[in-house]
Amino acid sequence: MTITFDNSYARLPERFFVRQPPVAVAAPKLIAVNRALAERLGLDPDALAGPDWEAVFAGNRVPEGAAPLAQAYAGHQFGGWVPQLGDGRALLLGEIVAPDGARFDLALKGSGPTPFSRRGDGRAGLGPVLREYIVSEAMAALGVPTTRALAAVTTGEAVWRETPLPGAVLARVAASHIRVGTFQYFAAREDVEALRLLADHVIARHYPGAEGPLGLLAAVTAAQARLIARWMSLGFIHGVMNTDNMAVSGETIDYGPCAFLDTYDPAKVFSSIDQFGRYAYGNQPRIALWNLAQFASCLLPLMGEEGPAIEAATEAINRFADIYQAEWLRLFRAKIGLATEAEGDAALIAGLLTRMTEGRADFTRTFRGLAEGAAAAEFADPAPFAEWEATWQARLANEARPQAVMLGANPAYIPRNHRVEAAIRAATEGDFAPFHRLNAVLARPFDRRAEAEDYDAAPAPDEQVTRTFCGT
C-alpha cells in the first residue's frame, strides 16, 4: 500500500523545523493497528498490519513521499518560559488527505533523538505509549476533539529512566501538531515574517473563515473554550497544560500525566510533577485563558498599531468566559437530563456538584446513575442528595425525554486510572490482552453491556491511582 502524502508544513521555511529520518530500532513488533481510524484516513488496515508498515511505525522505514521533520516550538512550562523546546522524541512523517478532503498529520512518538532532545534519548517507554493510545482513543469515542492513535509497536530495546523499561513507538494522527508554543518560538525571536507565514498556514488549514490574525485569535479562543468545557463535563484532567501542549486546532494533545476523576474534587491533581496544583481539574479553564493570552501576545505584531491591537486582542480572548460558560452549561444540562433552558439551571447543577464534593461521590458513576436510578448509592450520606433530587425531579417535569438525554451525555465507561495502569503492567510483562480488551470496552463508552460489567466500577482502596507520570 502506498500513501499519497501532501506535506504542506514541510513547504514552510527551513527555520520552522529540522529535517531528519527516524532512528531505526532493533526488533519492532506490532502491538495494535486502529482499523477504524485507518479506514477514516482512506488506508487499508490489513496492509497497515503487515511487515512493511510495522517497519514504518517503528521508524525503520520511511515511506515514499514522507518528509520526516522535527518541529520547532517554545513554551511556558508550569508558567516558566523556555525559549526553545521542539520535538525532542517525535517526528512528523507527513500529511495525509482523507477521502473527504480532511488533512491529517501522521507522526511518530518515540522515534529517536533530534536536535531538540536536550540531552534526552528521544525514545518512549511502553507505558506512556499505551496510556496515550488508550486515553486518546477513549476521548475520541467520547466525542472530544483529540489526536488519535493509529498504531503502536514495541522496539525490542530498553529505554532507561529510573530503571530499564521496554521501548515503544506510537503512530499519532492529528489535525496538525501546531501549538501555541510554535507561535511563541517565532515571537520570541521577533521573526514577524515567520509569524505571518504561520498564521496564514493555520488559517488556511483550520479556520478558512477567519479574517486575519484577529479572526484567528477569535477562532482559537472559541475552539479552546468548547474543548475545555468538554473536558470538564467528563471529569478529565490533562495534567500538563503548558503552552507547548495547547494545539491551535482545538484538539487535545500530548497525553502525559492525564487522568479521569474518580471521586469528584475540583482541586484534584494527578500529575507527579504538578506540586502546586497549577493544572488541577478546577483550574483548567483559567489556565486555558492564560495560555490564550500568550497566544494573543504573539499575534500582536501582525495586528497593526500597538494600542488598538492590544485592545482588540483583549476583547477577543475575553470572549472565552462567555463561550466556555455557555458550552459548560449546555453539556451539564444534558448530563442531568435537560434539553431545554430555564432560569436556575446553573444553580441546580452547582448544587449537585457541591453535594458530590462534600459526599466524595464518584463523578462518572453519579451522573450515569441519574439516568439509571442509582446515583444515591454514590453518597455515603444520601440525605443531602435526596434534598437536591426532589428539586431536580420537579425540573424534569418540563422535559420530554430526560433519560435518553442523560444516557447520551453520561458514559458508563471511561479509562479508569486503575484499569489503565493494570493494562500497562500486564503489557510490560508481555500480556497485551487487557490492553486490547480495555480499548474494545472504551470504543463504545455509552453502551452498557454485560461483557463489560466490571469496567464501570470505582477503584477499590488498594487500586486507587493518585499520581500519573509524564512519558519522558
Protein backbone atom coordinates (compact mmCIF):
# COMPACT_ATOMS: atom_id res chain seq x y z
CA MET A 1 0.00 0.00 0.00
CA THR A 2 1.26 3.46 -0.92
CA ILE A 3 0.13 6.58 0.93
CA THR A 4 -0.10 9.79 -1.04
CA PHE A 5 1.45 12.46 1.15
CA ASP A 6 0.95 16.20 0.66
CA ASN A 7 3.29 17.86 3.13
CA SER A 8 2.26 21.48 3.44
CA TYR A 9 4.14 22.13 6.70
CA ALA A 10 7.35 20.85 5.11
CA ARG A 11 6.96 23.54 2.45
CA LEU A 12 7.33 26.28 5.06
CA PRO A 13 10.82 27.81 5.51
CA GLU A 14 13.55 25.60 6.94
CA ARG A 15 13.67 27.54 10.24
CA PHE A 16 10.31 26.02 11.16
CA PHE A 17 11.80 22.54 11.65
CA VAL A 18 14.78 20.21 11.31
CA ARG A 19 14.62 17.55 8.65
CA GLN A 20 15.78 14.11 9.73
CA PRO A 21 14.71 10.47 9.46
CA PRO A 22 13.64 8.41 12.45
CA VAL A 23 16.25 6.27 14.15
CA ALA A 24 15.81 2.54 13.48
CA VAL A 25 15.12 0.11 16.33
CA ALA A 26 16.35 -3.42 16.92
CA ALA A 27 13.28 -5.64 16.68
CA PRO A 28 9.93 -3.94 16.01
CA LYS A 29 6.76 -5.83 16.78
CA LEU A 30 3.27 -4.52 16.16
CA ILE A 31 1.01 -4.13 19.18
CA ALA A 32 -2.11 -2.74 17.50
CA VAL A 33 -3.47 -1.04 14.40
CA ASN A 34 -6.51 1.20 14.75
CA ARG A 35 -8.67 -0.20 11.96
CA ALA A 36 -11.48 2.34 12.28
CA LEU A 37 -9.06 5.27 12.11
CA ALA A 38 -7.21 3.70 9.17
CA GLU A 39 -10.46 3.50 7.24
CA ARG A 40 -11.26 7.12 8.15
CA LEU A 41 -7.95 8.09 6.55
CA GLY A 42 -8.69 6.03 3.43
CA LEU A 43 -6.00 3.47 4.28
CA ASP A 44 -6.11 -0.33 4.19
CA PRO A 45 -5.94 -1.59 7.78
CA ASP A 46 -4.81 -5.04 6.69
CA ALA A 47 -1.86 -3.52 4.86
CA LEU A 48 -1.00 -1.39 7.89
CA ALA A 49 -0.86 -4.57 9.97
CA GLY A 50 1.75 -6.09 7.63
CA PRO A 51 5.55 -6.12 7.98
CA ASP A 52 6.17 -3.13 5.69
CA TRP A 53 4.10 -0.79 7.84
CA GLU A 54 5.28 -2.37 11.06
CA ALA A 55 8.71 -1.12 9.97
CA VAL A 56 7.29 2.33 9.17
CA PHE A 57 5.59 2.66 12.55
CA ALA A 58 8.82 1.68 14.29
CA GLY A 59 10.86 4.19 12.31
CA ASN A 60 12.85 1.53 10.44
CA ARG A 61 11.46 2.51 7.05
CA VAL A 62 10.44 5.91 5.68
CA PRO A 63 7.51 5.57 3.27
CA GLU A 64 7.71 7.08 -0.17
CA GLY A 65 6.51 10.68 -0.22
CA ALA A 66 7.07 11.26 3.50
CA ALA A 67 9.17 14.24 4.60
CA PRO A 68 10.16 13.49 8.20
CA LEU A 69 10.93 16.51 10.33
CA ALA A 70 11.08 17.67 13.95
CA GLN A 71 9.03 20.80 14.53
CA ALA A 72 10.44 23.80 16.38
CA TYR A 73 8.47 25.41 19.20
CA ALA A 74 8.91 27.11 22.56
CA GLY A 75 6.58 27.34 25.55
CA HIS A 76 5.68 28.17 29.10
CA GLN A 77 6.11 25.06 31.23
CA PHE A 78 4.32 25.39 34.60
CA GLY A 79 4.41 29.13 33.98
CA GLY A 80 8.18 29.26 33.36
CA TRP A 81 9.39 30.45 29.97
CA VAL A 82 11.51 28.08 27.85
CA PRO A 83 12.59 29.74 24.58
CA GLN A 84 13.35 26.51 22.74
CA LEU A 85 11.63 23.16 23.11
CA GLY A 86 10.65 21.40 19.88
CA ASP A 87 10.04 17.76 19.01
CA GLY A 88 12.60 16.02 21.19
CA ARG A 89 11.25 12.50 20.69
CA ALA A 90 8.80 12.83 17.84
CA LEU A 91 8.84 13.30 14.09
CA LEU A 92 6.16 14.46 11.69
CA LEU A 93 6.32 11.95 8.83
CA GLY A 94 3.93 13.88 6.61
CA GLU A 95 0.33 14.81 5.89
CA ILE A 96 -2.44 12.57 4.58
CA VAL A 97 -5.52 13.91 2.82
CA ALA A 98 -8.51 11.69 3.63
CA PRO A 99 -11.15 10.78 1.04
CA ASP A 100 -13.39 13.62 2.29
CA GLY A 101 -10.60 16.17 1.85
CA ALA A 102 -9.69 16.50 5.54
CA ARG A 103 -5.96 16.81 6.15
CA PHE A 104 -4.16 14.92 8.93
CA ASP A 105 -0.61 14.78 10.25
CA LEU A 106 0.99 11.37 10.67
CA ALA A 107 3.72 11.48 13.33
CA LEU A 108 5.85 9.07 15.33
CA LYS A 109 6.44 9.46 19.09
CA GLY A 110 9.49 7.74 20.47
CA SER A 111 11.32 7.73 17.14
CA GLY A 112 14.75 8.72 18.41
CA PRO A 113 16.74 11.83 19.33
CA THR A 114 16.52 15.11 17.44
CA PRO A 115 18.38 18.41 17.81
CA PHE A 116 15.57 19.41 20.20
CA SER A 117 16.06 16.44 22.55
CA ARG A 118 18.00 18.45 25.17
CA ARG A 119 20.25 15.50 26.10
CA GLY A 120 17.29 13.10 26.08
CA ASP A 121 17.28 9.77 24.32
CA GLY A 122 14.32 10.59 22.07
CA ARG A 123 12.65 7.33 22.95
CA ALA A 124 9.38 6.40 24.69
CA GLY A 125 8.59 3.69 27.17
CA LEU A 126 5.82 1.18 26.56
CA GLY A 127 3.72 2.58 29.42
CA PRO A 128 3.37 6.14 28.09
CA VAL A 129 2.68 4.84 24.57
CA LEU A 130 -0.12 2.58 25.78
CA ARG A 131 -1.53 5.31 28.04
CA GLU A 132 -1.77 7.73 25.12
CA TYR A 133 -3.26 5.05 22.86
CA ILE A 134 -5.93 4.12 25.40
CA VAL A 135 -6.87 7.60 26.58
CA SER A 136 -6.76 9.40 23.23
CA GLU A 137 -8.97 6.76 21.60
CA ALA A 138 -11.34 6.85 24.56
CA MET A 139 -11.56 10.63 24.22
CA ALA A 140 -12.41 10.27 20.52
CA ALA A 141 -15.17 7.80 21.35
CA LEU A 142 -16.49 10.25 23.97
CA GLY A 143 -16.77 12.94 21.30
CA VAL A 144 -13.80 15.05 22.41
CA PRO A 145 -11.60 16.68 19.75
CA THR A 146 -8.29 14.87 20.10
CA THR A 147 -5.21 13.49 18.46
CA ARG A 148 -5.62 9.81 17.62
CA ALA A 149 -3.56 6.64 17.83
CA LEU A 150 -3.14 4.86 14.51
CA ALA A 151 -0.71 2.16 15.65
CA ALA A 152 1.77 1.16 18.33
CA VAL A 153 4.84 -1.06 18.18
CA THR A 154 7.39 -2.36 20.63
CA THR A 155 11.01 -1.76 19.68
CA GLY A 156 12.87 -4.72 21.16
CA GLU A 157 15.03 -2.21 23.02
CA ALA A 158 15.03 -0.89 26.56
CA VAL A 159 14.70 2.75 27.50
CA TRP A 160 16.34 3.93 30.68
CA ARG A 161 14.53 6.09 33.17
CA GLU A 162 14.97 5.18 36.82
CA THR A 163 15.01 1.56 35.70
CA PRO A 164 15.12 -0.10 32.26
CA LEU A 165 11.71 -0.23 30.59
CA PRO A 166 10.52 -1.81 27.35
CA GLY A 167 10.57 0.70 24.50
CA ALA A 168 7.73 1.50 22.11
CA VAL A 169 6.70 3.92 19.37
CA LEU A 170 3.26 5.47 18.84
CA ALA A 171 1.97 6.47 15.41
CA ARG A 172 -0.17 9.53 16.11
CA VAL A 173 -2.66 11.28 13.85
CA ALA A 174 -3.65 14.91 14.39
CA ALA A 175 -5.40 17.71 12.53
CA SER A 176 -1.97 19.30 12.97
CA HIS A 177 0.76 19.48 15.58
CA ILE A 178 0.94 23.30 15.61
CA ARG A 179 0.87 24.68 19.13
CA VAL A 180 0.65 28.00 20.91
CA GLY A 181 4.32 27.34 21.58
CA THR A 182 5.01 27.26 17.84
CA PHE A 183 3.90 30.88 17.63
CA GLN A 184 5.87 31.70 20.78
CA TYR A 185 9.05 30.34 19.22
CA PHE A 186 8.96 32.93 16.45
CA ALA A 187 7.54 35.74 18.57
CA ALA A 188 10.47 35.39 20.97
CA ARG A 189 12.84 35.77 18.02
CA GLU A 190 10.90 38.78 16.69
CA ASP A 191 10.52 36.90 13.42
CA VAL A 192 7.43 38.68 12.11
CA GLU A 193 7.71 37.10 8.68
CA ALA A 194 7.57 33.61 10.20
CA LEU A 195 4.61 34.61 12.40
CA ARG A 196 2.74 35.82 9.34
CA LEU A 197 3.50 32.66 7.38
CA LEU A 198 2.45 30.50 10.34
CA ALA A 199 -0.78 32.42 10.91
CA ASP A 200 -1.68 32.18 7.22
CA HIS A 201 -0.92 28.45 7.27
CA VAL A 202 -3.12 27.84 10.32
CA ILE A 203 -5.98 29.91 8.91
CA ALA A 204 -5.88 28.02 5.62
CA ARG A 205 -5.65 24.66 7.34
CA HIS A 206 -8.01 25.02 10.30
CA TYR A 207 -10.06 28.23 10.13
CA PRO A 208 -10.58 29.25 6.50
CA GLY A 209 -13.39 31.59 7.53
CA ALA A 210 -11.14 33.59 9.88
CA GLU A 211 -10.18 37.07 8.74
CA GLY A 212 -6.56 37.78 9.54
CA PRO A 213 -4.75 37.34 12.85
CA LEU A 214 -7.59 38.77 14.94
CA GLY A 215 -10.02 36.35 13.34
CA LEU A 216 -7.56 33.54 14.03
CA LEU A 217 -7.33 34.54 17.69
CA ALA A 218 -11.11 34.60 17.99
CA ALA A 219 -11.43 31.18 16.34
CA VAL A 220 -8.77 29.52 18.51
CA THR A 221 -10.30 31.09 21.63
CA ALA A 222 -13.72 29.67 20.78
CA ALA A 223 -12.30 26.24 19.95
CA GLN A 224 -10.39 26.07 23.23
CA ALA A 225 -13.38 27.25 25.26
CA ARG A 226 -15.51 24.46 23.83
CA LEU A 227 -12.73 21.89 24.29
CA ILE A 228 -12.10 22.70 27.95
CA ALA A 229 -15.83 22.66 28.70
CA ARG A 230 -15.94 19.17 27.20
CA TRP A 231 -13.03 18.06 29.39
CA MET A 232 -14.80 19.39 32.46
CA SER A 233 -18.05 17.62 31.58
CA LEU A 234 -16.24 14.28 31.57
CA GLY A 235 -14.04 14.79 34.62
CA PHE A 236 -10.88 14.78 32.51
CA ILE A 237 -7.63 16.25 33.81
CA HIS A 238 -4.97 16.94 31.17
CA GLY A 239 -2.22 17.27 33.74
CA VAL A 240 0.29 19.42 31.83
CA MET A 241 -1.46 22.37 30.18
CA ASN A 242 1.77 24.07 29.13
CA THR A 243 1.55 26.39 26.12
CA ASP A 244 3.52 23.86 24.09
CA ASN A 245 0.75 21.35 24.86
CA MET A 246 -2.10 23.52 23.54
CA ALA A 247 -2.89 22.77 19.90
CA VAL A 248 -4.25 25.71 17.92
CA SER A 249 -6.54 23.28 16.09
CA GLY A 250 -8.62 22.88 19.26
CA GLU A 251 -7.67 19.23 19.74
CA THR A 252 -6.48 17.60 22.95
CA ILE A 253 -2.78 16.87 22.50
CA ASP A 254 0.10 15.35 24.48
CA TYR A 255 -1.33 12.82 26.92
CA GLY A 256 1.22 12.60 29.70
CA PRO A 257 0.05 12.58 33.33
CA CYS A 258 -3.59 12.68 32.27
CA ALA A 259 -6.40 11.04 34.21
CA PHE A 260 -10.15 11.00 34.80
CA LEU A 261 -11.68 11.86 38.15
CA ASP A 262 -12.90 9.06 40.33
CA THR A 263 -14.11 10.95 43.41
CA TYR A 264 -15.24 14.42 42.40
CA ASP A 265 -12.81 17.03 43.67
CA PRO A 266 -12.19 20.35 41.84
CA ALA A 267 -8.71 20.56 43.41
CA LYS A 268 -7.67 17.10 42.23
CA VAL A 269 -4.20 16.76 40.70
CA PHE A 270 -2.83 13.51 39.27
CA SER A 271 0.45 14.74 37.81
CA SER A 272 3.52 13.73 39.77
CA ILE A 273 5.26 16.95 38.70
CA ASP A 274 2.43 19.42 39.45
CA GLN A 275 3.47 20.14 43.02
CA PHE A 276 1.38 23.29 43.46
CA GLY A 277 -1.82 22.27 41.67
CA ARG A 278 -1.43 24.67 38.75
CA TYR A 279 -3.17 22.20 36.45
CA ALA A 280 -5.78 20.83 38.85
CA TYR A 281 -9.15 19.86 37.40
CA GLY A 282 -10.88 23.06 38.52
CA ASN A 283 -8.07 25.30 37.26
CA GLN A 284 -8.22 24.16 33.65
CA PRO A 285 -10.46 26.96 32.30
CA ARG A 286 -8.29 29.63 33.93
CA ILE A 287 -5.10 28.09 32.57
CA ALA A 288 -6.58 27.84 29.08
CA LEU A 289 -7.33 31.56 29.19
CA TRP A 290 -3.78 32.28 30.41
CA ASN A 291 -2.39 30.27 27.50
CA LEU A 292 -4.60 32.16 25.06
CA ALA A 293 -3.25 35.43 26.41
CA GLN A 294 0.24 34.22 25.46
CA PHE A 295 -1.06 33.32 22.01
CA ALA A 296 -2.61 36.77 21.65
CA SER A 297 0.69 38.44 22.52
CA CYS A 298 2.37 36.50 19.70
CA LEU A 299 -0.16 37.80 17.17
CA LEU A 300 0.08 41.47 18.17
CA PRO A 301 2.92 42.26 15.69
CA LEU A 302 0.58 41.17 12.89
CA MET A 303 -2.35 43.29 14.04
CA GLY A 304 -1.27 46.83 13.28
CA GLU A 305 -0.86 49.74 15.67
CA GLU A 306 0.01 48.54 19.16
CA GLY A 307 -2.69 50.27 21.22
CA PRO A 308 -5.70 49.28 19.11
CA ALA A 309 -4.19 45.81 18.58
CA ILE A 310 -3.93 45.18 22.32
CA GLU A 311 -7.49 46.39 22.83
CA ALA A 312 -8.85 44.16 20.05
CA ALA A 313 -6.87 41.11 21.21
CA THR A 314 -8.01 41.60 24.80
CA GLU A 315 -11.61 41.79 23.70
CA ALA A 316 -11.20 38.61 21.64
CA ILE A 317 -9.79 36.48 24.45
CA ASN A 318 -12.23 37.94 26.97
CA ARG A 319 -14.97 36.18 24.99
CA PHE A 320 -13.54 32.91 26.30
CA ALA A 321 -15.52 33.15 29.55
CA ASP A 322 -18.91 33.57 27.87
CA ILE A 323 -18.26 30.86 25.28
CA TYR A 324 -16.93 28.47 27.90
CA GLN A 325 -19.79 29.08 30.33
CA ALA A 326 -22.44 28.63 27.64
CA GLU A 327 -20.87 25.37 26.47
CA TRP A 328 -20.31 24.14 30.04
CA LEU A 329 -23.94 24.83 30.88
CA ARG A 330 -25.17 23.12 27.71
CA LEU A 331 -23.13 20.00 28.46
CA PHE A 332 -24.02 19.81 32.14
CA ARG A 333 -27.69 20.44 31.40
CA ALA A 334 -27.62 17.33 29.23
CA LYS A 335 -25.84 15.40 31.99
CA ILE A 336 -28.85 15.97 34.28
CA GLY A 337 -31.37 15.33 31.50
CA LEU A 338 -32.27 18.87 30.46
CA ALA A 339 -32.81 19.59 26.79
CA THR A 340 -34.49 22.94 27.47
CA GLU A 341 -33.19 26.05 29.23
CA ALA A 342 -34.63 27.59 32.37
CA GLU A 343 -33.52 30.12 34.92
CA GLY A 344 -31.95 28.37 37.84
CA ASP A 345 -30.35 25.53 35.85
CA ALA A 346 -26.82 26.69 36.66
CA ALA A 347 -27.65 26.77 40.36
CA LEU A 348 -29.23 23.31 40.13
CA ILE A 349 -26.05 21.88 38.57
CA ALA A 350 -23.84 23.68 41.08
CA GLY A 351 -25.93 22.25 43.91
CA LEU A 352 -25.29 18.72 42.71
CA LEU A 353 -21.56 19.33 42.31
CA THR A 354 -21.34 20.77 45.81
CA ARG A 355 -23.03 17.70 47.25
CA MET A 356 -20.72 15.47 45.21
CA THR A 357 -17.69 17.25 46.64
CA GLU A 358 -18.94 17.02 50.20
CA GLY A 359 -20.08 13.42 49.75
CA ARG A 360 -16.95 12.33 47.86
CA ALA A 361 -19.13 10.88 45.16
CA ASP A 362 -17.72 9.28 42.05
CA PHE A 363 -18.03 11.70 39.13
CA THR A 364 -18.87 9.31 36.28
CA ARG A 365 -20.99 6.89 38.30
CA THR A 366 -23.06 9.69 39.86
CA PHE A 367 -24.04 11.23 36.54
CA ARG A 368 -24.67 7.88 34.88
CA GLY A 369 -26.60 6.89 37.99
CA LEU A 370 -29.02 9.78 37.45
CA ALA A 371 -30.19 8.06 34.28
CA GLU A 372 -30.27 4.61 35.85
CA GLY A 373 -31.77 5.45 39.24
CA ALA A 374 -28.58 4.61 41.11
CA ALA A 375 -26.99 7.97 41.88
CA ALA A 376 -27.91 7.99 45.57
CA ALA A 377 -25.72 4.94 46.13
CA GLU A 378 -22.64 7.07 45.38
CA PHE A 379 -23.15 9.16 48.53
CA ALA A 380 -22.15 7.91 51.97
CA ASP A 381 -24.91 10.13 53.37
CA PRO A 382 -27.79 10.14 50.86
CA ALA A 383 -29.81 12.82 52.67
CA PRO A 384 -28.21 15.88 51.01
CA PHE A 385 -28.55 14.21 47.62
CA ALA A 386 -32.22 13.38 48.29
CA GLU A 387 -32.89 17.06 49.00
CA TRP A 388 -31.31 18.02 45.67
CA GLU A 389 -33.06 15.17 43.86
CA ALA A 390 -36.51 16.47 44.81
CA THR A 391 -35.78 19.84 43.19
CA TRP A 392 -34.27 18.12 40.14
CA GLN A 393 -37.29 15.84 39.67
CA ALA A 394 -39.57 18.89 39.71
CA ARG A 395 -37.41 20.48 36.99
CA LEU A 396 -37.53 17.26 34.90
CA ALA A 397 -41.32 17.53 34.72
CA ASN A 398 -40.82 20.01 31.86
CA GLU A 399 -38.64 17.61 29.84
CA ALA A 400 -39.86 15.18 27.20
CA ARG A 401 -37.09 12.53 27.18
CA PRO A 402 -34.72 13.21 30.09
CA GLN A 403 -33.42 9.66 30.43
CA ALA A 404 -32.43 9.46 26.76
CA VAL A 405 -30.67 12.80 27.07
CA MET A 406 -28.73 11.60 30.12
CA LEU A 407 -27.78 8.27 28.58
CA GLY A 408 -26.39 10.12 25.58
CA ALA A 409 -24.38 12.52 27.72
CA ASN A 410 -23.03 10.32 30.50
CA PRO A 411 -20.69 7.45 29.66
CA ALA A 412 -20.84 4.16 31.50
CA TYR A 413 -17.17 3.52 30.78
CA ILE A 414 -14.16 5.81 30.97
CA PRO A 415 -10.44 4.99 31.11
CA ARG A 416 -10.44 4.35 34.85
CA ASN A 417 -6.95 5.06 36.05
CA HIS A 418 -6.55 1.71 37.80
CA ARG A 419 -7.70 -0.09 34.64
CA VAL A 420 -5.17 1.79 32.52
CA GLU A 421 -2.40 1.02 34.99
CA ALA A 422 -3.38 -2.65 35.12
CA ALA A 423 -3.27 -2.89 31.32
CA ILE A 424 0.16 -1.24 31.27
CA ARG A 425 1.51 -3.57 33.96
CA ALA A 426 0.28 -6.64 32.12
CA ALA A 427 1.72 -5.44 28.80
CA THR A 428 5.08 -4.74 30.43
CA GLU A 429 5.07 -8.42 31.41
CA GLY A 430 4.19 -9.46 27.87
CA ASP A 431 0.40 -9.81 28.14
CA PHE A 432 -1.44 -7.38 25.85
CA ALA A 433 -4.89 -8.95 26.29
CA PRO A 434 -6.01 -6.45 28.99
CA PHE A 435 -4.90 -3.56 26.75
CA HIS A 436 -6.95 -4.85 23.82
CA ARG A 437 -9.98 -5.62 25.95
CA LEU A 438 -9.91 -2.19 27.58
CA ASN A 439 -9.78 -0.49 24.19
CA ALA A 440 -12.73 -2.57 22.99
CA VAL A 441 -14.82 -1.53 26.02
CA LEU A 442 -13.92 2.14 25.68
CA ALA A 443 -14.75 2.21 21.96
CA ARG A 444 -18.46 2.18 22.96
CA PRO A 445 -18.48 4.22 26.17
CA PHE A 446 -22.20 4.99 26.31
CA ASP A 447 -23.48 1.44 25.69
CA ARG A 448 -23.78 -0.54 28.89
CA ARG A 449 -23.28 -4.24 28.18
CA ALA A 450 -22.83 -7.47 30.08
CA GLU A 451 -19.33 -8.29 28.88
CA ALA A 452 -18.07 -5.00 30.27
CA GLU A 453 -19.94 -5.07 33.58
CA ASP A 454 -16.83 -4.64 35.74
CA TYR A 455 -15.39 -1.70 33.81
CA ASP A 456 -17.57 0.99 35.40
CA ALA A 457 -16.52 0.13 38.94
CA ALA A 458 -14.75 2.75 41.00
CA PRO A 459 -11.37 1.55 42.23
CA ALA A 460 -11.04 -0.33 45.48
CA PRO A 461 -8.90 1.49 48.06
CA ASP A 462 -5.83 -0.61 47.24
CA GLU A 463 -6.30 0.05 43.49
CA GLN A 464 -6.58 3.84 43.64
CA VAL A 465 -4.16 5.76 41.44
CA THR A 466 -3.16 9.10 42.94
CA ARG A 467 -0.29 10.04 40.60
CA THR A 468 0.42 9.55 36.93
CA PHE A 469 3.64 10.38 35.17
CA CYS A 470 4.87 12.16 32.07
CA GLY A 471 6.00 9.95 29.22
CA THR A 472 9.60 11.13 29.18
